[in-house]
Amino acid sequence: MYAARVKILVLGANSSTDPKHAGGVTWLEVVREGLEAAHPGKVQFAAAPFTPVGSSAPSYAERKVTESNPDLVIIPAGPYVFSFGFVWKR
């Protein structure tokens, strides 16, 4: 039986995925470790910063998706201003 590897791109891996800003384990690492533990060798993560601001944002996003060629793209939906109030104390 063939076991496919799922390629996941997190488009919007900004300061909340950087350990020096998060002050510890990031949400991206929690998700990555959980999926890799549940499905050893079947998950491949890539991450790219992204802010949906400016006229070049759509072409940048398209370029990153094309470069990564993922099976799944995760775009964090919580805007910075909204999310900051919940994660800054971490």
C-alpha atoms as a PDB file:
ATOM      1  CA  MET A   1       0.000   0.000   0.000  1.00  0.00           C
ATOM      2  CA  TYR A   2       1.316   3.434  -0.944  1.00  0.00           C
ATOM      3  CA  ALA A   3       1.409   5.965   1.884  1.00  0.00           C
ATOM      4  CA  ALA A   4       1.426   9.480   0.454  1.00  0.00           C
ATOM      5  CA  ARG A   5       3.213  12.308   2.173  1.00  0.00           C
ATOM      6  CA  VAL A   6       1.073  15.411   2.679  1.00  0.00           C
ATOM      7  CA  LYS A   7       2.814  18.721   2.028  1.00  0.00           C
ATOM      8  CA  ILE A   8       1.431  21.568   4.132  1.00  0.00           C
ATOM      9  CA  LEU A   9       2.229  25.242   3.593  1.00  0.00           C
ATOM     10  CA  VAL A  10       1.416  27.752   6.307  1.00  0.00           C
ATOM     11  CA  LEU A  11       1.058  31.042   4.434  1.00  0.00           C
ATOM     12  CA  GLY A  12       1.113  33.720   7.083  1.00  0.00           C
ATOM     13  CA  ALA A  13       3.817  32.341   9.337  1.00  0.00           C
ATOM     14  CA  ASN A  14       4.677  35.691  10.844  1.00  0.00           C
ATOM     15  CA  SER A  15       5.829  36.674  14.329  1.00  0.00           C
ATOM     16  CA  SER A  16       3.431  34.202  15.971  1.00  0.00           C
ATOM     17  CA  THR A  17       5.501  31.353  14.527  1.00  0.00           C
ATOM     18  CA  ASP A  18       8.876  32.754  15.572  1.00  0.00           C
ATOM     19  CA  PRO A  19      10.045  31.381  18.949  1.00  0.00           C
ATOM     20  CA  LYS A  20      11.868  34.603  19.837  1.00  0.00           C
ATOM     21  CA  HIS A  21       8.553  36.500  19.567  1.00  0.00           C
ATOM     22  CA  ALA A  22       6.315  33.798  21.027  1.00  0.00           C
ATOM     23  CA  GLY A  23       8.436  33.288  24.132  1.00  0.00           C
ATOM     24  CA  GLY A  24       8.305  29.515  23.829  1.00  0.00           C
ATOM     25  CA  VAL A  25       6.820  26.827  21.656  1.00  0.00           C
ATOM     26  CA  THR A  26       4.799  28.336  18.819  1.00  0.00           C
ATOM     27  CA  TRP A  27       1.391  27.227  17.573  1.00  0.00           C
ATOM     28  CA  LEU A  28       3.054  26.079  14.359  1.00  0.00           C
ATOM     29  CA  GLU A  29       5.380  23.771  16.288  1.00  0.00           C
ATOM     30  CA  VAL A  30       2.477  22.395  18.344  1.00  0.00           C
ATOM     31  CA  VAL A  31       0.559  21.554  15.160  1.00  0.00           C
ATOM     32  CA  ARG A  32       3.641  20.198  13.377  1.00  0.00           C
ATOM     33  CA  GLU A  33       4.656  17.980  16.315  1.00  0.00           C
ATOM     34  CA  GLY A  34       1.104  16.708  16.819  1.00  0.00           C
ATOM     35  CA  LEU A  35       0.609  15.764  13.175  1.00  0.00           C
ATOM     36  CA  GLU A  36       4.067  14.235  12.851  1.00  0.00           C
ATOM     37  CA  ALA A  37       3.511  12.173  16.008  1.00  0.00           C
ATOM     38  CA  ALA A  38       0.139  10.957  14.759  1.00  0.00           C
ATOM     39  CA  HIS A  39       1.376  10.339  11.196  1.00  0.00           C
ATOM     40  CA  PRO A  40       5.149   9.654  11.285  1.00  0.00           C
ATOM     41  CA  GLY A  41       6.867  10.378   7.969  1.00  0.00           C
ATOM     42  CA  LYS A  42       3.634  11.393   6.271  1.00  0.00           C
ATOM     43  CA  VAL A  43       3.607  15.149   6.910  1.00  0.00           C
ATOM     44  CA  GLN A  44       5.948  17.775   5.480  1.00  0.00           C
ATOM     45  CA  PHE A  45       5.661  21.383   6.679  1.00  0.00           C
ATOM     46  CA  ALA A  46       6.764  24.569   4.993  1.00  0.00           C
ATOM     47  CA  ALA A  47       6.048  28.076   6.200  1.00  0.00           C
ATOM     48  CA  ALA A  48       6.198  31.502   4.607  1.00  0.00           C
ATOM     49  CA  PRO A  49       5.497  34.950   6.004  1.00  0.00           C
ATOM     50  CA  PHE A  50       2.496  36.700   4.481  1.00  0.00           C
ATOM     51  CA  THR A  51       0.487  39.828   5.124  1.00  0.00           C
ATOM     52  CA  PRO A  52      -2.520  40.442   2.876  1.00  0.00           C
ATOM     53  CA  VAL A  53      -1.672  44.118   2.457  1.00  0.00           C
ATOM     54  CA  GLY A  54      -0.702  45.928  -0.698  1.00  0.00           C
ATOM     55  CA  SER A  55      -1.162  45.309  -4.371  1.00  0.00           C
ATOM     56  CA  SER A  56       1.678  42.769  -4.529  1.00  0.00           C
ATOM     57  CA  ALA A  57       0.163  40.489  -1.847  1.00  0.00           C
ATOM     58  CA  PRO A  58      -1.828  38.250  -4.237  1.00  0.00           C
ATOM     59  CA  SER A  59       1.128  37.659  -6.582  1.00  0.00           C
ATOM     60  CA  TYR A  60       3.435  37.004  -3.608  1.00  0.00           C
ATOM     61  CA  ALA A  61       0.988  34.453  -2.191  1.00  0.00           C
ATOM     62  CA  GLU A  62       0.629  32.783  -5.570  1.00  0.00           C
ATOM     63  CA  ARG A  63       4.431  32.609  -5.978  1.00  0.00           C
ATOM     64  CA  LYS A  64       4.880  31.034  -2.531  1.00  0.00           C
ATOM     65  CA  VAL A  65       2.176  28.435  -3.204  1.00  0.00           C
ATOM     66  CA  THR A  66       3.671  27.644  -6.614  1.00  0.00           C
ATOM     67  CA  GLU A  67       7.190  27.307  -5.163  1.00  0.00           C
ATOM     68  CA  SER A  68       6.055  25.005  -2.368  1.00  0.00           C
ATOM     69  CA  ASN A  69       3.558  22.999  -4.430  1.00  0.00           C
ATOM     70  CA  PRO A  70       1.622  21.977  -1.295  1.00  0.00           C
ATOM     71  CA  ASP A  71      -1.332  19.639  -0.933  1.00  0.00           C
ATOM     72  CA  LEU A  72      -2.795  21.930   1.733  1.00  0.00           C
ATOM     73  CA  VAL A  73      -2.407  25.655   2.397  1.00  0.00           C
ATOM     74  CA  ILE A  74      -3.173  27.036   5.855  1.00  0.00           C
ATOM     75  CA  ILE A  75      -3.814  30.767   6.050  1.00  0.00           C
ATOM     76  CA  PRO A  76      -4.176  31.920   9.654  1.00  0.00           C
ATOM     77  CA  ALA A  77      -7.425  33.886   9.695  1.00  0.00           C
ATOM     78  CA  GLY A  78      -6.925  35.906  12.892  1.00  0.00           C
ATOM     79  CA  PRO A  79      -5.595  39.336  12.000  1.00  0.00           C
ATOM     80  CA  TYR A  80      -2.667  40.578  14.059  1.00  0.00           C
ATOM     81  CA  VAL A  81      -4.654  43.234  15.902  1.00  0.00           C
ATOM     82  CA  PHE A  82      -7.250  40.652  16.957  1.00  0.00           C
ATOM     83  CA  SER A  83      -4.803  37.837  17.799  1.00  0.00           C
ATOM     84  CA  PHE A  84      -2.301  39.946  19.707  1.00  0.00           C
ATOM     85  CA  GLY A  85      -4.589  40.405  22.682  1.00  0.00           C
ATOM     86  CA  PHE A  86      -4.853  36.636  23.116  1.00  0.00           C
ATOM     87  CA  VAL A  87      -1.260  35.551  22.591  1.00  0.00           C
ATOM     88  CA  TRP A  88       0.975  38.346  23.852  1.00  0.00           C
ATOM     89  CA  LYS A  89       0.986  37.013  27.434  1.00  0.00           C
ATOM     90  CA  ARG A  90       2.316  33.676  26.281  1.00  0.00           C
END
